[in-house]
N, C-alpha and C. Protein backbone atom coordinates (compact mmCIF):
# COMPACT_ATOMS: atom_id res chain seq x y z
N MET A 1 103.89 90.26 166.64
CA MET A 1 103.63 90.75 165.72
C MET A 1 104.96 91.68 165.29
N SER A 2 105.70 91.46 164.15
CA SER A 2 106.66 92.52 163.15
C SER A 2 105.69 94.17 163.45
N GLY A 3 106.97 94.76 163.48
CA GLY A 3 106.51 96.43 163.48
C GLY A 3 106.22 96.76 164.77
N LEU A 4 106.03 96.04 165.59
CA LEU A 4 105.59 96.50 167.03
C LEU A 4 106.66 96.56 167.89
N PRO A 5 107.08 97.34 168.84
CA PRO A 5 108.52 97.45 169.46
C PRO A 5 108.38 96.11 170.11
N LYS A 6 110.11 96.29 170.70
CA LYS A 6 110.10 94.92 172.04
C LYS A 6 109.35 94.98 173.16
N SER A 7 108.92 96.04 173.53
CA SER A 7 108.25 96.08 174.92
C SER A 7 107.49 95.59 174.72
N THR A 8 106.58 95.48 173.53
CA THR A 8 105.06 94.67 174.07
C THR A 8 105.24 93.36 173.40
N MET A 9 106.28 92.46 173.29
CA MET A 9 106.09 91.22 173.49
C MET A 9 105.92 90.42 174.82
N MET A 10 105.31 89.59 174.56
CA MET A 10 104.95 88.54 175.57
C MET A 10 104.83 87.23 174.85
N LYS A 11 104.44 86.03 175.80
CA LYS A 11 103.53 84.62 175.19
C LYS A 11 103.35 83.74 176.04
N LYS A 12 101.91 83.94 175.94
CA LYS A 12 101.29 83.16 176.61
C LYS A 12 100.23 82.46 176.23
N GLN A 13 99.90 81.31 176.69
CA GLN A 13 99.63 80.16 175.86
C GLN A 13 97.62 80.19 176.16
N ILE A 14 96.98 80.14 175.47
CA ILE A 14 95.63 80.18 175.55
C ILE A 14 95.35 78.59 175.36
N PRO A 15 95.15 77.85 176.03
CA PRO A 15 94.53 76.42 176.20
C PRO A 15 93.32 76.12 175.30
N LYS A 16 93.19 75.54 174.66
CA LYS A 16 92.16 74.87 173.81
C LYS A 16 90.68 74.93 175.03
N SER A 17 91.44 73.93 175.99
CA SER A 17 90.18 73.28 176.72
C SER A 17 90.01 74.69 177.85
N ALA A 18 89.69 76.07 177.56
CA ALA A 18 89.27 77.03 178.32
C ALA A 18 88.08 77.44 177.25
N ILE A 19 88.45 77.06 176.18
CA ILE A 19 87.59 77.45 175.08
C ILE A 19 86.30 76.19 174.87
N TYR A 20 86.82 75.05 174.85
CA TYR A 20 85.76 73.87 175.24
C TYR A 20 84.89 74.21 176.51
N LYS A 21 85.61 74.55 177.30
CA LYS A 21 84.77 74.87 178.37
C LYS A 21 83.58 76.29 178.66
N LYS A 22 84.19 77.32 178.01
CA LYS A 22 83.64 78.45 177.89
C LYS A 22 82.51 78.43 177.50
N TYR A 23 82.30 77.26 175.30
CA TYR A 23 81.10 76.98 175.28
C TYR A 23 80.60 75.97 175.62
N GLY A 24 81.14 74.88 176.30
CA GLY A 24 80.69 73.82 176.89
C GLY A 24 80.03 73.07 175.41
N MET A 25 81.42 72.84 174.61
CA MET A 25 81.23 72.53 173.29
C MET A 25 81.09 70.91 173.48
N ASP A 26 80.77 69.91 173.11
CA ASP A 26 80.56 69.18 172.45
C ASP A 26 81.21 68.24 171.68
N SER A 27 81.69 66.79 171.75
CA SER A 27 82.70 66.27 170.70
C SER A 27 82.87 66.43 169.47
N LYS A 28 82.16 66.54 168.99
CA LYS A 28 81.71 67.02 167.54
C LYS A 28 81.88 68.27 167.43
N ALA A 29 82.22 69.29 168.25
CA ALA A 29 82.16 70.68 168.09
C ALA A 29 83.67 70.98 168.47
N ARG A 30 84.19 70.26 169.14
CA ARG A 30 85.73 70.10 169.75
C ARG A 30 86.56 69.81 168.52
N GLU A 31 85.81 68.69 167.86
CA GLU A 31 86.39 68.48 167.03
C GLU A 31 86.85 69.21 165.49
N LYS A 32 86.00 69.72 165.76
CA LYS A 32 85.27 70.93 164.67
C LYS A 32 86.54 72.38 165.11
N PHE A 33 86.60 72.11 166.28
CA PHE A 33 87.69 73.09 166.04
C PHE A 33 88.91 72.86 166.18
N ASP A 34 89.46 72.06 166.68
CA ASP A 34 90.93 71.08 166.78
C ASP A 34 91.00 70.96 165.45
N ASN A 35 90.43 70.21 164.68
CA ASN A 35 90.47 70.19 163.25
C ASN A 35 91.03 71.90 162.67
N ASP A 36 90.87 72.80 162.84
CA ASP A 36 91.70 74.48 162.19
C ASP A 36 92.58 74.60 163.24
N ILE A 37 92.39 74.96 164.37
CA ILE A 37 93.31 75.54 165.13
C ILE A 37 94.37 74.46 165.79
N SER A 38 95.92 74.98 165.93
CA SER A 38 96.69 74.03 167.10
C SER A 38 96.94 74.60 167.96
N ARG A 39 97.68 76.27 168.02
CA ARG A 39 97.70 76.46 169.11
C ARG A 39 97.57 78.12 169.07
N ILE A 40 97.42 78.45 170.17
CA ILE A 40 96.68 79.88 170.28
C ILE A 40 97.95 80.68 171.94
N TYR A 41 98.44 82.00 171.06
CA TYR A 41 98.97 82.31 171.89
C TYR A 41 98.67 84.26 171.84
N ILE A 42 99.34 84.77 173.08
CA ILE A 42 98.92 86.21 172.94
C ILE A 42 100.77 86.57 172.67
N VAL A 43 100.30 87.48 172.28
CA VAL A 43 102.54 87.95 171.74
C VAL A 43 102.71 88.93 171.53
N ASN A 44 101.45 90.05 171.82
CA ASN A 44 102.06 91.44 172.21
C ASN A 44 101.19 92.36 173.01
N GLU A 45 101.35 92.73 173.78
CA GLU A 45 100.36 93.87 173.85
C GLU A 45 100.33 95.38 174.03
N VAL A 46 99.75 96.23 173.64
CA VAL A 46 100.09 96.69 173.29
C VAL A 46 99.19 98.02 174.03
N SER A 47 99.63 98.86 174.78
CA SER A 47 99.49 99.79 175.58
C SER A 47 100.54 100.72 176.19
N THR A 48 99.69 101.86 177.22
CA THR A 48 100.77 103.05 177.48
C THR A 48 101.89 102.39 178.33
N ARG A 49 101.22 101.05 178.84
CA ARG A 49 102.40 100.32 179.96
C ARG A 49 103.67 99.91 179.13
N THR A 50 103.18 99.28 177.77
CA THR A 50 104.04 99.23 177.08
C THR A 50 105.40 99.63 176.23
N MET A 51 104.71 100.66 176.01
CA MET A 51 105.56 101.51 174.56
C MET A 51 105.05 102.82 174.47
N ILE A 52 105.40 103.66 174.02
CA ILE A 52 105.46 105.85 174.27
C ILE A 52 104.44 105.80 173.30
N ILE A 53 103.22 105.91 174.17
CA ILE A 53 102.15 106.11 173.11
C ILE A 53 100.88 106.81 173.88
N GLU A 54 99.83 107.74 173.58
CA GLU A 54 99.00 108.27 174.10
C GLU A 54 97.20 107.59 174.50
N ARG A 55 96.84 106.91 175.48
CA ARG A 55 95.84 106.54 175.72
C ARG A 55 94.87 107.20 174.67
N GLY A 56 93.43 106.12 173.96
CA GLY A 56 92.67 106.71 173.20
C GLY A 56 91.58 107.12 174.27
N LEU A 57 90.50 107.99 173.52
CA LEU A 57 89.54 107.84 173.84
C LEU A 57 88.17 107.04 174.27
N GLU A 58 88.48 106.01 173.64
CA GLU A 58 87.65 104.04 173.04
C GLU A 58 89.29 103.38 173.52
N ILE A 59 90.04 103.34 172.87
CA ILE A 59 91.02 102.08 173.41
C ILE A 59 92.09 102.52 174.35
N ASP A 60 92.58 101.17 175.52
CA ASP A 60 92.95 101.93 176.36
C ASP A 60 94.55 101.06 176.01
N SER A 61 93.93 99.84 175.15
CA SER A 61 95.19 98.89 175.26
C SER A 61 94.03 97.81 173.91
N PHE A 62 95.22 97.35 173.00
CA PHE A 62 94.90 96.03 172.59
C PHE A 62 95.96 94.42 172.64
N PHE A 63 95.32 93.66 171.91
CA PHE A 63 96.87 92.47 172.18
C PHE A 63 96.44 92.05 170.72
N VAL A 64 97.94 91.16 170.41
CA VAL A 64 97.64 90.54 168.93
C VAL A 64 97.88 89.30 169.86
N VAL A 65 97.08 88.01 169.17
CA VAL A 65 96.85 86.59 168.87
C VAL A 65 97.47 86.19 167.95
N GLN A 66 98.24 85.39 168.39
CA GLN A 66 98.99 84.39 167.21
C GLN A 66 98.27 82.87 167.26
N ILE A 67 98.02 82.87 166.02
CA ILE A 67 97.04 81.39 166.31
C ILE A 67 97.28 80.51 164.77
N MET A 68 97.78 79.56 165.20
CA MET A 68 98.58 78.21 164.41
C MET A 68 97.49 77.73 163.83
N LEU A 69 97.58 77.73 162.96
CA LEU A 69 96.43 77.01 162.52
C LEU A 69 96.55 75.50 161.14
N LYS A 70 95.93 74.75 161.13
CA LYS A 70 95.98 73.39 160.26
C LYS A 70 95.54 73.29 159.10
N ASN A 71 94.89 74.62 158.93
CA ASN A 71 93.83 74.31 157.59
C ASN A 71 93.77 75.76 157.26
N LYS A 72 94.44 75.87 156.10
CA LYS A 72 94.48 77.62 155.35
C LYS A 72 93.14 77.86 155.62
N LYS A 73 92.19 76.97 154.91
CA LYS A 73 90.54 77.22 154.73
C LYS A 73 89.97 76.82 156.10
N TYR A 74 90.28 77.81 156.97
CA TYR A 74 89.46 77.85 158.62
C TYR A 74 88.27 78.22 158.58
N ASP A 75 87.67 78.08 159.64
CA ASP A 75 86.07 78.31 160.30
C ASP A 75 86.12 79.58 160.37
N GLU A 76 85.29 80.20 160.02
CA GLU A 76 85.53 81.84 160.67
C GLU A 76 84.89 81.64 162.11
N SER A 77 83.97 80.77 162.51
CA SER A 77 83.39 81.11 163.38
C SER A 77 84.60 80.29 164.74
N ASN A 78 85.51 79.78 164.51
CA ASN A 78 86.42 79.32 165.48
C ASN A 78 87.06 80.48 165.90
N ILE A 79 86.97 81.56 164.92
CA ILE A 79 87.73 82.67 165.38
C ILE A 79 87.58 83.74 166.26
N ILE A 80 86.14 83.52 165.86
CA ILE A 80 85.61 84.40 166.64
C ILE A 80 84.63 83.83 167.41
N LYS A 81 85.01 82.63 168.15
CA LYS A 81 84.66 82.42 169.45
C LYS A 81 85.87 82.90 170.32
N ILE A 82 87.25 82.64 169.98
CA ILE A 82 88.00 83.30 170.90
C ILE A 82 88.00 84.90 171.19
N THR A 83 87.09 85.09 170.12
CA THR A 83 86.88 87.18 170.69
C THR A 83 85.94 87.07 171.64
N LYS A 84 85.08 86.47 171.87
CA LYS A 84 84.25 86.20 172.43
C LYS A 84 84.57 85.89 174.04
N LEU A 85 85.52 84.54 174.17
CA LEU A 85 86.47 84.12 174.89
C LEU A 85 87.16 84.85 176.03
N ILE A 86 87.84 85.95 175.14
CA ILE A 86 89.17 87.12 175.70
C ILE A 86 88.14 88.57 175.85
N ASN A 87 87.57 88.87 176.70
CA ASN A 87 86.84 89.98 176.52
C ASN A 87 87.86 91.86 176.15
N GLN A 88 88.55 91.55 175.15
CA GLN A 88 89.81 92.41 174.59
C GLN A 88 89.68 92.93 173.58
N ASN A 89 90.40 94.07 173.10
CA ASN A 89 90.45 94.68 171.98
C ASN A 89 91.85 93.36 170.88
N MET A 90 91.82 92.70 170.28
CA MET A 90 92.53 91.91 169.63
C MET A 90 92.48 92.19 167.64
N ILE A 91 94.09 92.51 167.40
CA ILE A 91 94.35 91.53 166.98
C ILE A 91 95.03 90.50 165.95
N PHE A 92 94.41 89.82 165.37
CA PHE A 92 94.40 87.60 165.05
C PHE A 92 95.84 87.70 163.78
N GLU A 93 96.97 87.37 164.33
CA GLU A 93 97.63 87.04 163.23
C GLU A 93 97.77 85.36 163.29
N LEU A 94 97.17 85.00 161.92
CA LEU A 94 97.06 83.69 161.69
C LEU A 94 97.84 83.47 160.79
N ARG A 95 98.68 81.62 161.36
CA ARG A 95 99.75 81.29 160.60
C ARG A 95 99.45 79.86 160.17
N TYR A 96 99.80 79.85 158.82
CA TYR A 96 99.92 78.15 158.30
C TYR A 96 100.83 78.59 157.29
N GLU A 97 101.59 77.27 158.29
CA GLU A 97 103.13 77.13 157.33
C GLU A 97 103.85 78.52 157.25
N ASP A 98 104.10 78.77 155.93
CA ASP A 98 105.36 79.92 155.85
C ASP A 98 104.30 81.05 155.59
N LYS A 99 103.29 81.13 155.39
CA LYS A 99 102.17 82.31 155.63
C LYS A 99 101.66 82.96 156.50
N LYS A 100 101.18 83.95 156.62
CA LYS A 100 100.33 84.52 157.60
C LYS A 100 99.54 85.35 156.82
N SER A 101 98.05 85.54 157.77
CA SER A 101 96.84 86.70 157.54
C SER A 101 96.98 87.35 158.71
N PHE A 102 96.51 88.20 158.41
CA PHE A 102 95.70 88.88 160.01
C PHE A 102 94.18 89.46 159.84
N ALA A 103 93.66 89.13 160.90
CA ALA A 103 91.87 89.68 160.51
C ALA A 103 91.91 90.44 162.28
N VAL A 104 90.83 90.80 161.99
CA VAL A 104 90.50 91.74 163.55
C VAL A 104 88.86 91.50 163.49
N TYR A 105 88.18 91.54 164.68
CA TYR A 105 86.21 91.49 164.61
C TYR A 105 85.58 92.42 164.40
N ARG A 106 85.07 92.45 164.16
CA ARG A 106 84.23 94.14 164.16
C ARG A 106 82.85 94.37 163.60
N GLY A 107 82.01 93.70 164.33
CA GLY A 107 80.59 93.28 163.80
C GLY A 107 80.56 91.79 162.99
N LYS A 108 82.00 92.05 162.61
CA LYS A 108 82.49 90.77 161.84
C LYS A 108 83.46 90.18 161.24
N LEU A 109 84.42 89.32 161.30
CA LEU A 109 85.58 89.10 161.11
C LEU A 109 86.12 89.62 159.30
N ILE A 110 86.77 90.62 159.90
CA ILE A 110 87.91 91.46 158.65
C ILE A 110 89.41 90.56 159.10
N THR A 111 89.30 90.05 157.71
CA THR A 111 90.58 89.28 156.83
C THR A 111 91.41 90.01 156.07
N SER A 112 92.94 90.17 156.25
CA SER A 112 93.91 90.45 155.28
C SER A 112 94.06 89.01 154.30
N ASP A 113 94.65 89.63 153.04
CA ASP A 113 95.06 88.36 152.47
C ASP A 113 96.51 87.67 152.78
N TRP A 114 96.62 86.58 152.51
CA TRP A 114 97.74 85.65 152.70
C TRP A 114 99.03 86.46 152.06
N ARG A 115 99.95 86.46 152.80
CA ARG A 115 101.23 86.81 152.68
C ARG A 115 102.64 85.77 153.20
N ASP A 116 103.69 85.97 152.72
CA ASP A 116 104.32 85.69 152.67
C ASP A 116 105.27 85.96 154.65
N ASP A 117 105.75 84.86 155.06
CA ASP A 117 105.87 85.22 156.68
C ASP A 117 106.66 86.45 156.90
N GLU A 118 107.44 86.24 155.66
CA GLU A 118 108.84 87.50 156.02
C GLU A 118 108.71 88.82 154.87
N SER A 119 107.18 89.02 154.89
CA SER A 119 106.80 89.93 153.99
C SER A 119 106.45 91.13 154.72
N GLU A 120 106.42 92.28 154.18
CA GLU A 120 106.49 93.85 154.94
C GLU A 120 105.89 93.98 155.96
N PRO A 121 106.32 94.16 157.45
CA PRO A 121 105.17 94.08 158.32
C PRO A 121 104.16 95.25 158.21
N MET A 122 103.26 94.74 159.10
CA MET A 122 101.74 95.38 159.53
C MET A 122 102.60 97.20 159.65
N LYS A 123 102.24 98.43 159.43
CA LYS A 123 102.69 99.62 159.77
C LYS A 123 101.69 100.53 160.75
N ILE A 124 102.51 100.72 161.87
CA ILE A 124 101.48 101.29 163.18
C ILE A 124 102.03 102.70 162.69
N GLN A 125 100.71 103.10 162.80
CA GLN A 125 100.50 104.90 162.35
C GLN A 125 99.87 105.05 163.63
N GLY A 126 99.80 106.77 164.09
CA GLY A 126 99.22 106.89 164.97
C GLY A 126 99.55 107.78 166.27
N LEU A 127 99.30 108.67 166.75
CA LEU A 127 100.09 109.07 167.86
C LEU A 127 99.36 108.73 169.10
N THR A 128 97.57 107.85 169.12
CA THR A 128 96.97 107.28 170.20
C THR A 128 96.68 106.18 169.75
N LEU A 129 96.53 105.81 170.90
CA LEU A 129 95.57 104.13 170.88
C LEU A 129 94.80 104.14 169.57
N ASP A 130 93.83 105.37 169.69
CA ASP A 130 92.17 105.02 168.90
C ASP A 130 93.00 105.27 167.92
N GLU A 131 94.45 106.02 167.21
CA GLU A 131 94.34 105.94 165.91
C GLU A 131 95.13 104.86 165.13
N VAL A 132 96.37 104.29 166.35
CA VAL A 132 96.47 102.92 165.75
C VAL A 132 95.71 101.85 165.88
N TRP A 133 95.19 101.77 166.17
CA TRP A 133 93.64 100.36 166.11
C TRP A 133 92.97 100.81 164.81
N LYS A 134 92.50 102.12 164.74
CA LYS A 134 91.67 102.20 163.49
C LYS A 134 92.67 102.13 162.26
N GLN A 135 93.83 102.56 161.93
CA GLN A 135 94.71 101.89 161.15
C GLN A 135 95.20 100.75 161.12
N LEU A 136 95.00 100.09 161.92
CA LEU A 136 95.37 98.46 161.88
C LEU A 136 94.18 98.19 161.21
N ILE A 137 92.87 98.29 161.54
CA ILE A 137 91.69 97.76 160.75
C ILE A 137 91.62 98.16 159.69
N ILE A 138 92.47 99.07 159.23
CA ILE A 138 92.31 99.88 157.66
C ILE A 138 93.21 99.39 157.01
N GLN A 139 94.12 98.52 157.34
CA GLN A 139 95.49 97.63 156.97
C GLN A 139 94.72 96.64 156.42
N ILE A 140 94.33 95.32 157.48
CA ILE A 140 93.64 94.48 157.68
C ILE A 140 92.67 94.35 156.10
N GLY A 141 91.76 95.22 156.30
CA GLY A 141 90.51 95.17 155.61
C GLY A 141 91.18 95.76 154.54
N ASP A 142 91.86 96.38 154.00
CA ASP A 142 92.54 97.44 152.56
C ASP A 142 90.95 97.77 152.47
N ILE A 143 90.69 98.66 153.56
CA ILE A 143 89.36 99.55 153.21
C ILE A 143 89.29 101.31 153.13
N HIS A 144 89.35 101.49 151.94
CA HIS A 144 89.20 103.37 151.99
C HIS A 144 88.17 103.92 152.36
N VAL A 145 88.29 104.83 153.37
CA VAL A 145 87.58 105.42 153.96
C VAL A 145 86.70 106.51 153.42
N GLU A 146 85.42 106.76 152.93
CA GLU A 146 84.92 107.59 151.95
C GLU A 146 84.89 109.16 153.66
N PRO A 147 85.13 110.22 153.27
CA PRO A 147 85.68 111.16 153.54
C PRO A 147 84.08 111.60 154.62
N GLN A 148 82.78 111.08 154.35
CA GLN A 148 81.63 111.36 154.55
C GLN A 148 81.50 109.99 155.85
N ASN A 149 82.16 109.41 155.70
CA ASN A 149 81.72 107.82 156.23
C ASN A 149 82.81 107.95 158.01
N THR A 150 82.53 107.24 158.97
CA THR A 150 83.04 106.65 159.43
C THR A 150 83.41 105.36 159.49
N LEU A 151 84.74 104.78 160.24
CA LEU A 151 84.83 103.48 160.05
C LEU A 151 83.98 102.48 159.65
N ASP A 152 83.23 102.69 160.74
CA ASP A 152 82.08 101.44 161.24
C ASP A 152 80.80 101.31 160.27
N GLU A 153 80.58 102.88 159.68
CA GLU A 153 79.85 102.95 158.58
C GLU A 153 80.55 102.72 157.36
N GLN A 154 81.62 102.75 156.81
CA GLN A 154 82.08 102.44 155.42
C GLN A 154 82.45 100.80 155.41
N ILE A 155 82.38 100.25 156.72
CA ILE A 155 82.51 98.64 156.57
C ILE A 155 80.90 98.50 156.81
N GLN A 156 79.81 98.85 156.58
CA GLN A 156 78.32 98.43 156.69
C GLN A 156 78.27 98.72 155.15
N VAL A 157 78.90 100.20 154.71
CA VAL A 157 78.21 100.30 153.23
C VAL A 157 79.14 99.21 152.71
N ASN A 158 80.56 98.75 152.66
CA ASN A 158 81.05 97.62 151.75
C ASN A 158 80.73 96.67 151.94
N ASP A 159 80.13 96.40 153.45
CA ASP A 159 79.59 94.89 153.24
C ASP A 159 77.91 94.63 152.60
N MET A 160 77.12 96.40 151.99
CA MET A 160 76.12 95.98 151.34
C MET A 160 76.71 95.85 149.92
N LYS A 161 77.65 96.68 149.36
CA LYS A 161 78.15 96.69 148.27
C LYS A 161 78.37 95.24 147.91
N GLU A 162 78.79 94.58 149.04
CA GLU A 162 79.38 92.89 148.53
C GLU A 162 78.16 92.20 148.03
N LYS A 163 77.09 92.36 148.61
CA LYS A 163 76.45 91.44 149.40
C LYS A 163 75.65 91.62 147.51
N ILE A 164 74.86 93.10 147.55
CA ILE A 164 74.89 93.32 145.91
C ILE A 164 75.46 93.01 144.77
N LEU A 165 76.88 93.02 144.90
CA LEU A 165 77.24 92.39 143.72
C LEU A 165 77.52 90.63 143.94
N ALA A 166 77.26 90.41 144.52
CA ALA A 166 76.73 89.21 144.83
C ALA A 166 75.37 88.67 144.30
N ASN A 167 74.27 89.15 144.24
CA ASN A 167 73.02 89.39 143.81
C ASN A 167 73.13 89.66 142.35
N ILE A 168 73.73 90.41 141.99
CA ILE A 168 74.01 91.12 140.79
C ILE A 168 74.72 89.38 139.91
N LYS A 169 75.36 88.79 140.22
CA LYS A 169 75.92 87.99 139.39
C LYS A 169 75.04 86.67 139.69
N SER A 170 74.77 86.41 140.72
CA SER A 170 73.67 85.61 141.01
C SER A 170 72.74 85.95 139.54
N LEU A 171 72.05 87.14 139.74
CA LEU A 171 70.89 86.80 138.96
C LEU A 171 71.26 86.63 137.11
N ASP A 172 72.46 87.55 137.34
CA ASP A 172 73.16 87.84 135.38
C ASP A 172 73.07 86.03 135.15
N ARG A 173 73.57 85.16 135.99
CA ARG A 173 73.98 83.71 135.83
C ARG A 173 72.55 83.20 135.30
N LYS A 174 71.83 83.61 135.99
CA LYS A 174 69.79 82.86 135.97
C LYS A 174 69.46 83.42 134.85
N ALA A 175 70.04 84.70 135.11
CA ALA A 175 69.30 85.43 133.14
C ALA A 175 69.81 85.00 131.71
N ARG A 176 71.16 84.81 132.32
CA ARG A 176 71.64 83.60 130.84
C ARG A 176 71.19 82.63 130.70
N SER A 177 70.53 81.94 131.51
CA SER A 177 70.15 80.58 131.41
C SER A 177 68.67 80.53 131.66
N GLU A 178 68.05 81.72 131.45
CA GLU A 178 66.62 81.36 131.83
C GLU A 178 65.92 81.82 130.00
N ARG A 179 65.08 80.62 129.67
CA ARG A 179 64.60 80.56 128.38
C ARG A 179 62.96 81.57 128.21
N GLN A 180 62.58 81.70 129.11
CA GLN A 180 61.33 82.54 129.16
C GLN A 180 61.68 83.90 129.05
N PRO A 181 60.86 84.37 127.88
CA PRO A 181 61.56 86.34 128.34
C PRO A 181 60.64 87.16 128.72
N ARG A 182 59.87 86.64 129.58
CA ARG A 182 59.48 87.47 130.20
C ARG A 182 59.81 87.17 131.80
N LYS A 183 60.24 86.37 131.93
CA LYS A 183 61.32 85.99 133.63
C LYS A 183 62.70 86.59 133.08
N LYS A 184 63.33 86.41 132.03
CA LYS A 184 64.48 87.16 131.69
C LYS A 184 64.41 88.02 131.50
N PHE A 185 63.56 88.73 131.27
CA PHE A 185 63.05 90.48 131.21
C PHE A 185 62.70 90.71 132.83
N GLU A 186 62.61 89.83 133.33
CA GLU A 186 62.30 90.65 135.18
C GLU A 186 63.65 90.28 135.32
N MET A 187 64.42 89.66 135.53
CA MET A 187 65.59 89.57 136.09
C MET A 187 66.68 90.53 135.83
N VAL A 188 66.63 90.96 133.76
CA VAL A 188 67.34 92.23 133.54
C VAL A 188 67.03 93.63 134.53
N GLU A 189 65.88 93.55 134.67
CA GLU A 189 65.28 94.75 135.03
C GLU A 189 65.37 95.38 136.75
N LYS A 190 65.75 93.81 137.36
CA LYS A 190 66.01 93.59 138.57
C LYS A 190 68.14 93.81 138.60
N ILE A 191 68.84 93.66 137.74
CA ILE A 191 69.73 93.45 137.57
C ILE A 191 70.38 94.65 137.57
N ASN A 192 69.58 95.83 136.82
CA ASN A 192 69.29 97.66 136.81
C ASN A 192 69.38 98.24 137.59
N GLU A 193 68.01 97.73 138.93
CA GLU A 193 67.67 98.13 139.68
C GLU A 193 68.62 98.22 140.61
N LEU A 194 69.54 97.17 141.04
CA LEU A 194 70.92 96.57 141.79
C LEU A 194 71.54 97.47 141.51
N LYS A 195 71.67 97.53 140.23
CA LYS A 195 73.61 98.28 139.50
C LYS A 195 72.97 99.57 140.29
N LYS A 196 71.94 100.27 140.21
CA LYS A 196 71.65 101.67 140.51
C LYS A 196 71.77 101.89 142.02
N GLU A 197 71.04 100.94 142.60
CA GLU A 197 71.44 100.72 144.05
C GLU A 197 72.26 101.07 144.73
N LEU A 198 73.55 100.12 143.77
CA LEU A 198 75.30 99.98 144.07
C LEU A 198 75.58 101.77 143.64
N GLY A 199 75.01 102.19 142.09
CA GLY A 199 76.32 103.35 142.38
C GLY A 199 75.32 104.68 143.34
N GLU A 200 74.42 104.71 144.21
CA GLU A 200 73.85 105.52 144.71
C GLU A 200 74.93 105.01 146.68
N LEU A 201 75.47 104.12 146.22
CA LEU A 201 76.36 104.00 147.97
C LEU A 201 77.19 104.62 147.94
């Protein structure tokens, strides 16, 4: 991953067969995985052994895993399978043609927008591995952490907001096409309740 010292660089291929074996994947599941993913490499190790940085209270190392994709619209469950195969903290560098995106699993898969391969690298911020790890997650998810929240709390709040907004959008669409005044009124009332709930988050 660009932005990291050369001392962190490595290149170890993870065979897809190891993932198939780990999950006992049948031919259909293998085909689904293979349709999305071409090759998988571990390309960086970030630790006190590979660069000058203090060990964190929670994080003592993390790895950058480069995934060469066959499809830009990949199935997230295939990426999540890799997180469970390798019991380490990982940043994913997803590559498709001349574009790249970053992802990290934090209770769910958090992804960045796609960017040009030669775009500005991720910023390495912090004096400890805990801080560097946290700042990378914030950059990948474009997360604004409110002062009263931890990073995980903010991720949960953002998830709740996304679900409420999706619900409002769905109800609004139904209300516009509803012909019965009573049902339409009930939907509008529910939308107002959700908007109030959204404002309280």
